[in-house]
Amino acid sequence: MRCLLPAVSACLVLSSFAASFAMALALPIGGTAPANPAAAPPAVPAAANSDDAAKHAKRTNCLKEAKVKKLIGAQKTAFIKDCVSAP
């Protein structure tokens, strides 16, 4: 009777490790397609990524210029809007 409790405890611990190991094997490895294609995020066209990057770079430059000119408040806001909308 004394050996029964440790044996049962050991079996429960080992089964939980086995279950987590089996789940880890079922997960996709990085860089592979997900098991459910419907769960995959939609692909973003490369042109949209580069366009967003260009907008971000332009806005960052406008913010730096506003800082150099020491603009604050409404003047800064107006300057950034004009700067970003300029070609």
C-alpha atoms as a PDB file:
ATOM      1  CA  MET A   1       0.000   0.000   0.000  1.00  0.00           C
ATOM      2  CA  ARG A   2       2.866   2.357   0.731  1.00  0.00           C
ATOM      3  CA  CYS A   3       4.312   1.950  -2.787  1.00  0.00           C
ATOM      4  CA  LEU A   4       0.997   2.652  -4.497  1.00  0.00           C
ATOM      5  CA  LEU A   5       0.883   6.398  -3.840  1.00  0.00           C
ATOM      6  CA  PRO A   6       4.394   7.177  -5.161  1.00  0.00           C
ATOM      7  CA  ALA A   7       3.803   4.953  -8.186  1.00  0.00           C
ATOM      8  CA  VAL A   8       0.545   6.711  -9.050  1.00  0.00           C
ATOM      9  CA  SER A   9       2.158  10.118  -8.561  1.00  0.00           C
ATOM     10  CA  ALA A  10       5.065   9.183 -10.814  1.00  0.00           C
ATOM     11  CA  CYS A  11       2.688   7.953 -13.524  1.00  0.00           C
ATOM     12  CA  LEU A  12       0.668  11.177 -13.415  1.00  0.00           C
ATOM     13  CA  VAL A  13       3.784  13.339 -13.668  1.00  0.00           C
ATOM     14  CA  LEU A  14       5.185  11.296 -16.541  1.00  0.00           C
ATOM     15  CA  SER A  15       1.874  11.345 -18.411  1.00  0.00           C
ATOM     16  CA  SER A  16       1.672  15.142 -18.145  1.00  0.00           C
ATOM     17  CA  PHE A  17       5.215  15.420 -19.553  1.00  0.00           C
ATOM     18  CA  ALA A  18       4.310  13.005 -22.346  1.00  0.00           C
ATOM     19  CA  ALA A  19       1.185  15.011 -23.203  1.00  0.00           C
ATOM     20  CA  SER A  20       3.080  18.302 -23.314  1.00  0.00           C
ATOM     21  CA  PHE A  21       5.815  16.698 -25.436  1.00  0.00           C
ATOM     22  CA  ALA A  22       3.197  15.370 -27.878  1.00  0.00           C
ATOM     23  CA  MET A  23       1.624  18.833 -28.113  1.00  0.00           C
ATOM     24  CA  ALA A  24       5.023  20.388 -28.735  1.00  0.00           C
ATOM     25  CA  LEU A  25       5.604  17.991 -31.612  1.00  0.00           C
ATOM     26  CA  ALA A  26       2.227  18.907 -33.115  1.00  0.00           C
ATOM     27  CA  LEU A  27       3.080  22.637 -33.208  1.00  0.00           C
ATOM     28  CA  PRO A  28       4.532  23.937 -36.472  1.00  0.00           C
ATOM     29  CA  ILE A  29       8.201  24.767 -36.479  1.00  0.00           C
ATOM     30  CA  GLY A  30       9.118  28.403 -37.230  1.00  0.00           C
ATOM     31  CA  GLY A  31       8.989  29.206 -40.927  1.00  0.00           C
ATOM     32  CA  THR A  32       6.529  26.466 -41.854  1.00  0.00           C
ATOM     33  CA  ALA A  33       2.918  26.951 -42.864  1.00  0.00           C
ATOM     34  CA  PRO A  34       0.324  26.759 -40.083  1.00  0.00           C
ATOM     35  CA  ALA A  35      -1.782  23.621 -39.828  1.00  0.00           C
ATOM     36  CA  ASN A  36      -4.944  25.667 -40.460  1.00  0.00           C
ATOM     37  CA  PRO A  37      -4.522  27.908 -43.543  1.00  0.00           C
ATOM     38  CA  ALA A  38      -7.632  29.887 -42.586  1.00  0.00           C
ATOM     39  CA  ALA A  39      -5.840  31.034 -39.423  1.00  0.00           C
ATOM     40  CA  ALA A  40      -2.917  32.484 -41.394  1.00  0.00           C
ATOM     41  CA  PRO A  41      -2.748  36.296 -41.447  1.00  0.00           C
ATOM     42  CA  PRO A  42      -3.495  37.904 -44.807  1.00  0.00           C
ATOM     43  CA  ALA A  43      -0.472  38.705 -46.907  1.00  0.00           C
ATOM     44  CA  VAL A  44       0.356  42.409 -47.267  1.00  0.00           C
ATOM     45  CA  PRO A  45       1.662  43.432 -50.680  1.00  0.00           C
ATOM     46  CA  ALA A  46       5.283  44.544 -50.746  1.00  0.00           C
ATOM     47  CA  ALA A  47       4.287  47.879 -52.293  1.00  0.00           C
ATOM     48  CA  ALA A  48       2.139  48.717 -49.268  1.00  0.00           C
ATOM     49  CA  ASN A  49       5.035  47.938 -46.923  1.00  0.00           C
ATOM     50  CA  SER A  50       7.468  50.154 -48.806  1.00  0.00           C
ATOM     51  CA  ASP A  51       4.882  52.942 -49.088  1.00  0.00           C
ATOM     52  CA  ASP A  52       4.257  52.832 -45.341  1.00  0.00           C
ATOM     53  CA  ALA A  53       7.993  52.861 -44.691  1.00  0.00           C
ATOM     54  CA  ALA A  54       8.429  55.898 -46.944  1.00  0.00           C
ATOM     55  CA  LYS A  55       5.610  57.755 -45.172  1.00  0.00           C
ATOM     56  CA  HIS A  56       7.112  56.943 -41.798  1.00  0.00           C
ATOM     57  CA  ALA A  57      10.563  58.141 -42.875  1.00  0.00           C
ATOM     58  CA  LYS A  58       9.116  61.371 -44.259  1.00  0.00           C
ATOM     59  CA  ARG A  59       7.131  62.066 -41.088  1.00  0.00           C
ATOM     60  CA  THR A  60      10.205  61.347 -38.968  1.00  0.00           C
ATOM     61  CA  ASN A  61      12.221  63.863 -40.992  1.00  0.00           C
ATOM     62  CA  CYS A  62       9.440  66.434 -40.613  1.00  0.00           C
ATOM     63  CA  LEU A  63       9.416  65.917 -36.848  1.00  0.00           C
ATOM     64  CA  LYS A  64      13.184  66.389 -36.725  1.00  0.00           C
ATOM     65  CA  GLU A  65      12.894  69.627 -38.721  1.00  0.00           C
ATOM     66  CA  ALA A  66      10.178  70.904 -36.390  1.00  0.00           C
ATOM     67  CA  LYS A  67      12.419  70.156 -33.428  1.00  0.00           C
ATOM     68  CA  VAL A  68      15.363  71.998 -35.018  1.00  0.00           C
ATOM     69  CA  LYS A  69      13.105  74.988 -35.699  1.00  0.00           C
ATOM     70  CA  LYS A  70      11.875  74.744 -32.077  1.00  0.00           C
ATOM     71  CA  LEU A  71       8.217  74.771 -33.081  1.00  0.00           C
ATOM     72  CA  ILE A  72       5.581  73.946 -30.472  1.00  0.00           C
ATOM     73  CA  GLY A  73       1.833  73.564 -30.279  1.00  0.00           C
ATOM     74  CA  ALA A  74      -0.313  74.594 -33.231  1.00  0.00           C
ATOM     75  CA  GLN A  75       2.710  75.840 -35.199  1.00  0.00           C
ATOM     76  CA  LYS A  76       4.349  72.429 -34.937  1.00  0.00           C
ATOM     77  CA  THR A  77       1.152  70.644 -35.952  1.00  0.00           C
ATOM     78  CA  ALA A  78       0.627  72.879 -38.971  1.00  0.00           C
ATOM     79  CA  PHE A  79       4.273  72.531 -40.026  1.00  0.00           C
ATOM     80  CA  ILE A  80       4.142  68.718 -39.821  1.00  0.00           C
ATOM     81  CA  LYS A  81       0.894  68.553 -41.824  1.00  0.00           C
ATOM     82  CA  ASP A  82       2.362  70.794 -44.536  1.00  0.00           C
ATOM     83  CA  CYS A  83       5.669  68.957 -44.536  1.00  0.00           C
ATOM     84  CA  VAL A  84       4.123  65.477 -44.812  1.00  0.00           C
ATOM     85  CA  SER A  85       1.680  66.505 -47.554  1.00  0.00           C
ATOM     86  CA  ALA A  86       4.434  68.141 -49.628  1.00  0.00           C
ATOM     87  CA  PRO A  87       5.737  65.983 -52.490  1.00  0.00           C
END
